[in-house]
PDB file of N, CA and C in Angstrom:
ATOM      1  N   MET A   1     -48.038 -58.062  -4.416  1.00  0.00           N
ATOM      2  CA  MET A   1     -48.682 -57.459  -5.772  1.00  0.00           C
ATOM      3  C   MET A   1     -49.762 -58.213  -6.223  1.00  0.00           C
ATOM      4  N   SER A   2     -50.807 -57.691  -6.572  1.00  0.00           N
ATOM      5  CA  SER A   2     -51.997 -58.421  -6.903  1.00  0.00           C
ATOM      6  C   SER A   2     -52.143 -58.352  -8.201  1.00  0.00           C
ATOM      7  N   GLY A   3     -51.043 -59.151  -9.091  1.00  0.00           N
ATOM      8  CA  GLY A   3     -51.349 -59.490 -10.453  1.00  0.00           C
ATOM      9  C   GLY A   3     -50.954 -58.300 -11.304  1.00  0.00           C
ATOM     10  N   ALA A   4     -50.167 -57.567 -11.136  1.00  0.00           N
ATOM     11  CA  ALA A   4     -49.748 -55.946 -11.523  1.00  0.00           C
ATOM     12  C   ALA A   4     -49.186 -56.330 -12.691  1.00  0.00           C
ATOM     13  N   VAL A   5     -48.670 -57.615 -13.010  1.00  0.00           N
ATOM     14  CA  VAL A   5     -47.945 -57.848 -14.313  1.00  0.00           C
ATOM     15  C   VAL A   5     -49.054 -58.122 -15.424  1.00  0.00           C
ATOM     16  N   VAL A   6     -49.032 -57.200 -16.813  1.00  0.00           N
ATOM     17  CA  VAL A   6     -49.647 -57.319 -17.730  1.00  0.00           C
ATOM     18  C   VAL A   6     -49.097 -58.505 -18.578  1.00  0.00           C
ATOM     19  N   THR A   7     -50.258 -58.799 -19.617  1.00  0.00           N
ATOM     20  CA  THR A   7     -49.670 -59.988 -20.697  1.00  0.00           C
ATOM     21  C   THR A   7     -48.595 -59.387 -21.565  1.00  0.00           C
ATOM     22  N   LYS A   8     -48.105 -60.538 -22.031  1.00  0.00           N
ATOM     23  CA  LYS A   8     -47.072 -60.140 -22.991  1.00  0.00           C
ATOM     24  C   LYS A   8     -47.280 -59.535 -24.047  1.00  0.00           C
ATOM     25  N   GLY A   9     -48.429 -59.264 -24.631  1.00  0.00           N
ATOM     26  CA  GLY A   9     -48.912 -58.620 -25.628  1.00  0.00           C
ATOM     27  C   GLY A   9     -49.514 -57.141 -25.269  1.00  0.00           C
ATOM     28  N   GLY A  10     -49.424 -56.828 -23.987  1.00  0.00           N
ATOM     29  CA  GLY A  10     -50.328 -55.857 -23.440  1.00  0.00           C
ATOM     30  C   GLY A  10     -49.463 -54.705 -23.224  1.00  0.00           C
ATOM     31  N   VAL A  11     -49.654 -53.949 -21.995  1.00  0.00           N
ATOM     32  CA  VAL A  11     -48.574 -52.568 -21.749  1.00  0.00           C
ATOM     33  C   VAL A  11     -47.280 -53.112 -21.609  1.00  0.00           C
ATOM     34  N   SER A  12     -47.016 -54.210 -20.918  1.00  0.00           N
ATOM     35  CA  SER A  12     -45.310 -54.482 -20.725  1.00  0.00           C
ATOM     36  C   SER A  12     -44.717 -54.377 -21.991  1.00  0.00           C
ATOM     37  N   ARG A  13     -45.269 -54.789 -23.320  1.00  0.00           N
ATOM     38  CA  ARG A  13     -44.545 -54.651 -24.397  1.00  0.00           C
ATOM     39  C   ARG A  13     -44.095 -53.273 -24.671  1.00  0.00           C
ATOM     40  N   TRP A  14     -45.192 -52.373 -24.428  1.00  0.00           N
ATOM     41  CA  TRP A  14     -44.599 -51.054 -24.761  1.00  0.00           C
ATOM     42  C   TRP A  14     -43.712 -50.305 -23.666  1.00  0.00           C
ATOM     43  N   PHE A  15     -43.627 -50.838 -22.283  1.00  0.00           N
ATOM     44  CA  PHE A  15     -42.510 -50.385 -21.499  1.00  0.00           C
ATOM     45  C   PHE A  15     -41.312 -51.156 -21.014  1.00  0.00           C
ATOM     46  N   ARG A  16     -40.716 -51.709 -22.361  1.00  0.00           N
ATOM     47  CA  ARG A  16     -39.552 -52.466 -21.844  1.00  0.00           C
ATOM     48  C   ARG A  16     -38.307 -51.475 -21.750  1.00  0.00           C
ATOM     49  N   ARG A  17     -37.687 -51.682 -20.973  1.00  0.00           N
ATOM     50  CA  ARG A  17     -36.405 -50.875 -21.001  1.00  0.00           C
ATOM     51  C   ARG A  17     -35.589 -50.350 -21.824  1.00  0.00           C
ATOM     52  N   GLY A  18     -35.214 -51.592 -22.607  1.00  0.00           N
ATOM     53  CA  GLY A  18     -34.052 -51.249 -23.699  1.00  0.00           C
ATOM     54  C   GLY A  18     -34.473 -50.007 -24.953  1.00  0.00           C
ATOM     55  N   PRO A  19     -35.567 -50.108 -25.567  1.00  0.00           N
ATOM     56  CA  PRO A  19     -35.452 -49.127 -26.395  1.00  0.00           C
ATOM     57  C   PRO A  19     -36.171 -47.838 -26.112  1.00  0.00           C
ATOM     58  N   TRP A  20     -36.511 -47.525 -24.792  1.00  0.00           N
ATOM     59  CA  TRP A  20     -36.614 -46.302 -23.936  1.00  0.00           C
ATOM     60  C   TRP A  20     -35.134 -45.733 -23.667  1.00  0.00           C
ATOM     61  N   GLU A  21     -34.260 -46.629 -23.168  1.00  0.00           N
ATOM     62  CA  GLU A  21     -33.118 -46.184 -22.686  1.00  0.00           C
ATOM     63  C   GLU A  21     -32.261 -45.600 -23.773  1.00  0.00           C
ATOM     64  N   ALA A  22     -32.460 -46.315 -24.790  1.00  0.00           N
ATOM     65  CA  ALA A  22     -31.621 -45.789 -25.999  1.00  0.00           C
ATOM     66  C   ALA A  22     -32.084 -44.413 -26.849  1.00  0.00           C
ATOM     67  N   GLY A  23     -33.424 -44.242 -26.642  1.00  0.00           N
ATOM     68  CA  GLY A  23     -34.126 -42.902 -26.744  1.00  0.00           C
ATOM     69  C   GLY A  23     -33.726 -41.790 -26.142  1.00  0.00           C
ATOM     70  N   ALA A  24     -33.664 -42.173 -24.709  1.00  0.00           N
ATOM     71  CA  ALA A  24     -33.410 -41.095 -23.620  1.00  0.00           C
ATOM     72  C   ALA A  24     -31.818 -40.811 -23.665  1.00  0.00           C
ATOM     73  N   MET A  25     -31.178 -41.786 -23.974  1.00  0.00           N
ATOM     74  CA  MET A  25     -29.533 -41.117 -24.428  1.00  0.00           C
ATOM     75  C   MET A  25     -29.333 -40.845 -25.587  1.00  0.00           C
ATOM     76  N   THR A  26     -30.073 -41.218 -26.514  1.00  0.00           N
ATOM     77  CA  THR A  26     -29.937 -40.236 -27.920  1.00  0.00           C
ATOM     78  C   THR A  26     -30.593 -38.526 -27.620  1.00  0.00           C
ATOM     79  N   LEU A  27     -31.235 -38.457 -26.560  1.00  0.00           N
ATOM     80  CA  LEU A  27     -31.638 -37.292 -26.374  1.00  0.00           C
ATOM     81  C   LEU A  27     -30.858 -36.498 -25.510  1.00  0.00           C
ATOM     82  N   ILE A  28     -30.134 -37.112 -24.769  1.00  0.00           N
ATOM     83  CA  ILE A  28     -29.286 -36.510 -23.900  1.00  0.00           C
ATOM     84  C   ILE A  28     -28.021 -35.975 -25.118  1.00  0.00           C
ATOM     85  N   GLY A  29     -27.515 -37.031 -25.965  1.00  0.00           N
ATOM     86  CA  GLY A  29     -26.641 -36.911 -26.745  1.00  0.00           C
ATOM     87  C   GLY A  29     -26.769 -35.837 -27.739  1.00  0.00           C
ATOM     88  N   GLY A  30     -28.010 -35.737 -28.466  1.00  0.00           N
ATOM     89  CA  GLY A  30     -28.388 -34.512 -29.101  1.00  0.00           C
ATOM     90  C   GLY A  30     -28.468 -33.156 -28.412  1.00  0.00           C
ATOM     91  N   GLY A  31     -28.569 -33.200 -27.071  1.00  0.00           N
ATOM     92  CA  GLY A  31     -28.667 -32.107 -26.279  1.00  0.00           C
ATOM     93  C   GLY A  31     -27.091 -31.548 -25.978  1.00  0.00           C
ATOM     94  N   ILE A  32     -26.091 -32.470 -26.054  1.00  0.00           N
ATOM     95  CA  ILE A  32     -24.733 -32.069 -25.780  1.00  0.00           C
ATOM     96  C   ILE A  32     -24.331 -31.619 -27.072  1.00  0.00           C
ATOM     97  N   VAL A  33     -24.706 -32.022 -28.116  1.00  0.00           N
ATOM     98  CA  VAL A  33     -24.342 -31.695 -29.575  1.00  0.00           C
ATOM     99  C   VAL A  33     -24.799 -30.344 -29.657  1.00  0.00           C
ATOM    100  N   MET A  34     -26.398 -29.762 -29.298  1.00  0.00           N
ATOM    101  CA  MET A  34     -26.615 -28.652 -29.295  1.00  0.00           C
ATOM    102  C   MET A  34     -25.887 -27.648 -28.358  1.00  0.00           C
ATOM    103  N   LEU A  35     -25.295 -27.988 -27.373  1.00  0.00           N
ATOM    104  CA  LEU A  35     -24.559 -27.587 -26.429  1.00  0.00           C
ATOM    105  C   LEU A  35     -23.260 -26.799 -27.206  1.00  0.00           C
ATOM    106  N   VAL A  36     -22.562 -27.879 -27.846  1.00  0.00           N
ATOM    107  CA  VAL A  36     -21.289 -27.273 -28.422  1.00  0.00           C
ATOM    108  C   VAL A  36     -21.153 -26.956 -29.967  1.00  0.00           C
ATOM    109  N   GLN A  37     -22.225 -26.859 -30.255  1.00  0.00           N
ATOM    110  CA  GLN A  37     -22.247 -26.648 -31.646  1.00  0.00           C
ATOM    111  C   GLN A  37     -22.197 -24.726 -31.520  1.00  0.00           C
ATOM    112  N   PRO A  38     -21.491 -24.560 -32.816  1.00  0.00           N
ATOM    113  CA  PRO A  38     -21.272 -22.816 -32.933  1.00  0.00           C
ATOM    114  C   PRO A  38     -22.198 -21.882 -33.814  1.00  0.00           C
ATOM    115  N   TRP A  39     -23.313 -22.625 -34.404  1.00  0.00           N
ATOM    116  CA  TRP A  39     -24.069 -21.848 -35.549  1.00  0.00           C
ATOM    117  C   TRP A  39     -25.108 -21.261 -35.078  1.00  0.00           C
ATOM    118  N   SER A  40     -25.765 -21.733 -33.966  1.00  0.00           N
ATOM    119  CA  SER A  40     -27.090 -21.499 -33.741  1.00  0.00           C
ATOM    120  C   SER A  40     -27.376 -21.155 -32.595  1.00  0.00           C
ATOM    121  N   ILE A  41     -28.055 -19.849 -32.248  1.00  0.00           N
ATOM    122  CA  ILE A  41     -28.148 -19.650 -30.816  1.00  0.00           C
ATOM    123  C   ILE A  41     -29.023 -20.054 -30.270  1.00  0.00           C
ATOM    124  N   ASP A  42     -30.266 -20.512 -31.100  1.00  0.00           N
ATOM    125  CA  ASP A  42     -31.641 -20.982 -30.725  1.00  0.00           C
ATOM    126  C   ASP A  42     -31.470 -22.560 -30.267  1.00  0.00           C
ATOM    127  N   LEU A  43     -30.525 -23.174 -30.868  1.00  0.00           N
ATOM    128  CA  LEU A  43     -30.316 -24.560 -30.766  1.00  0.00           C
ATOM    129  C   LEU A  43     -29.308 -24.520 -29.161  1.00  0.00           C
ATOM    130  N   TYR A  44     -28.756 -23.546 -28.807  1.00  0.00           N
ATOM    131  CA  TYR A  44     -27.774 -23.594 -27.705  1.00  0.00           C
ATOM    132  C   TYR A  44     -28.701 -23.334 -26.832  1.00  0.00           C
ATOM    133  N   SER A  45     -29.658 -22.589 -26.743  1.00  0.00           N
ATOM    134  CA  SER A  45     -30.398 -22.033 -25.702  1.00  0.00           C
ATOM    135  C   SER A  45     -31.492 -23.070 -25.166  1.00  0.00           C
ATOM    136  N   TYR A  46     -31.868 -24.213 -26.283  1.00  0.00           N
ATOM    137  CA  TYR A  46     -32.579 -24.913 -25.886  1.00  0.00           C
ATOM    138  C   TYR A  46     -31.812 -26.302 -25.444  1.00  0.00           C
ATOM    139  N   SER A  47     -30.582 -26.323 -25.333  1.00  0.00           N
ATOM    140  CA  SER A  47     -29.723 -27.529 -25.250  1.00  0.00           C
ATOM    141  C   SER A  47     -29.844 -27.968 -23.664  1.00  0.00           C
ATOM    142  N   PHE A  48     -29.899 -27.063 -22.618  1.00  0.00           N
ATOM    143  CA  PHE A  48     -30.211 -27.524 -21.296  1.00  0.00           C
ATOM    144  C   PHE A  48     -31.249 -28.244 -21.207  1.00  0.00           C
ATOM    145  N   VAL A  49     -32.245 -27.480 -21.860  1.00  0.00           N
ATOM    146  CA  VAL A  49     -33.868 -27.979 -21.718  1.00  0.00           C
ATOM    147  C   VAL A  49     -33.735 -29.677 -22.191  1.00  0.00           C
ATOM    148  N   THR A  50     -33.125 -29.578 -23.164  1.00  0.00           N
ATOM    149  CA  THR A  50     -33.011 -31.017 -23.994  1.00  0.00           C
ATOM    150  C   THR A  50     -32.096 -32.071 -23.044  1.00  0.00           C
ATOM    151  N   ILE A  51     -31.211 -31.553 -22.709  1.00  0.00           N
ATOM    152  CA  ILE A  51     -30.413 -32.383 -21.677  1.00  0.00           C
ATOM    153  C   ILE A  51     -31.173 -33.033 -20.459  1.00  0.00           C
ATOM    154  N   LEU A  52     -31.696 -32.007 -20.056  1.00  0.00           N
ATOM    155  CA  LEU A  52     -32.276 -32.154 -18.799  1.00  0.00           C
ATOM    156  C   LEU A  52     -33.689 -33.276 -18.803  1.00  0.00           C
ATOM    157  N   ALA A  53     -34.304 -32.878 -20.354  1.00  0.00           N
ATOM    158  CA  ALA A  53     -35.411 -33.612 -20.452  1.00  0.00           C
ATOM    159  C   ALA A  53     -34.798 -34.973 -20.724  1.00  0.00           C
ATOM    160  N   GLY A  54     -33.829 -35.583 -21.344  1.00  0.00           N
ATOM    161  CA  GLY A  54     -33.234 -36.593 -21.291  1.00  0.00           C
ATOM    162  C   GLY A  54     -32.753 -37.649 -20.096  1.00  0.00           C
ATOM    163  N   THR A  55     -32.214 -36.728 -19.359  1.00  0.00           N
ATOM    164  CA  THR A  55     -31.638 -37.325 -18.148  1.00  0.00           C
ATOM    165  C   THR A  55     -32.995 -37.761 -16.935  1.00  0.00           C
ATOM    166  N   VAL A  56     -34.024 -36.851 -17.234  1.00  0.00           N
ATOM    167  CA  VAL A  56     -35.083 -37.193 -16.200  1.00  0.00           C
ATOM    168  C   VAL A  56     -35.929 -38.340 -16.903  1.00  0.00           C
ATOM    169  N   GLY A  57     -35.896 -38.475 -18.464  1.00  0.00           N
ATOM    170  CA  GLY A  57     -36.229 -39.245 -18.948  1.00  0.00           C
ATOM    171  C   GLY A  57     -35.824 -40.899 -18.536  1.00  0.00           C
ATOM    172  N   TYR A  58     -34.420 -40.565 -18.578  1.00  0.00           N
ATOM    173  CA  TYR A  58     -33.533 -41.965 -18.469  1.00  0.00           C
ATOM    174  C   TYR A  58     -33.671 -42.434 -17.114  1.00  0.00           C
ATOM    175  N   VAL A  59     -33.928 -41.595 -16.075  1.00  0.00           N
ATOM    176  CA  VAL A  59     -34.219 -41.970 -14.413  1.00  0.00           C
ATOM    177  C   VAL A  59     -35.521 -42.581 -14.591  1.00  0.00           C
ATOM    178  N   ILE A  60     -36.542 -41.900 -15.203  1.00  0.00           N
ATOM    179  CA  ILE A  60     -38.002 -42.851 -15.170  1.00  0.00           C
ATOM    180  C   ILE A  60     -37.883 -43.856 -15.973  1.00  0.00           C
ATOM    181  N   VAL A  61     -37.352 -44.314 -16.831  1.00  0.00           N
ATOM    182  CA  VAL A  61     -37.096 -45.225 -17.617  1.00  0.00           C
ATOM    183  C   VAL A  61     -36.283 -46.671 -17.049  1.00  0.00           C
ATOM    184  N   SER A  62     -35.149 -46.333 -16.304  1.00  0.00           N
ATOM    185  CA  SER A  62     -34.594 -47.108 -15.556  1.00  0.00           C
ATOM    186  C   SER A  62     -35.454 -48.185 -14.446  1.00  0.00           C
ATOM    187  N   HIS A  63     -36.710 -47.457 -14.460  1.00  0.00           N
ATOM    188  CA  HIS A  63     -37.507 -48.255 -13.239  1.00  0.00           C
ATOM    189  C   HIS A  63     -38.417 -49.078 -14.400  1.00  0.00           C
ATOM    190  N   PHE A  64     -38.282 -48.957 -15.666  1.00  0.00           N
ATOM    191  CA  PHE A  64     -39.156 -50.059 -16.295  1.00  0.00           C
ATOM    192  C   PHE A  64     -38.618 -51.381 -16.252  1.00  0.00           C
ATOM    193  N   PRO A  65     -39.579 -52.693 -16.468  1.00  0.00           N
ATOM    194  CA  PRO A  65     -39.205 -53.976 -16.403  1.00  0.00           C
ATOM    195  C   PRO A  65     -38.062 -53.934 -17.751  1.00  0.00           C
ATOM    196  N   GLU A  66     -37.397 -54.811 -17.472  1.00  0.00           N
ATOM    197  CA  GLU A  66     -36.471 -55.488 -18.572  1.00  0.00           C
ATOM    198  C   GLU A  66     -37.378 -56.182 -19.449  1.00  0.00           C
TER     199      GLU A  66
END
């Protein structure tokens, strides 16, 4: 690697794994709640897309540095 690690105050500060993983898991959880709620067909119809976006986000974020 040719110095790909950025300083502490730079880009690596924004791309830490912890907060992004929590956000992706929250998105997955929100999609599951949307899937099982009985009141709105609109929420139900967007639940799969929400779960899929959270899962793809989690896979991407899992490659971020600690």
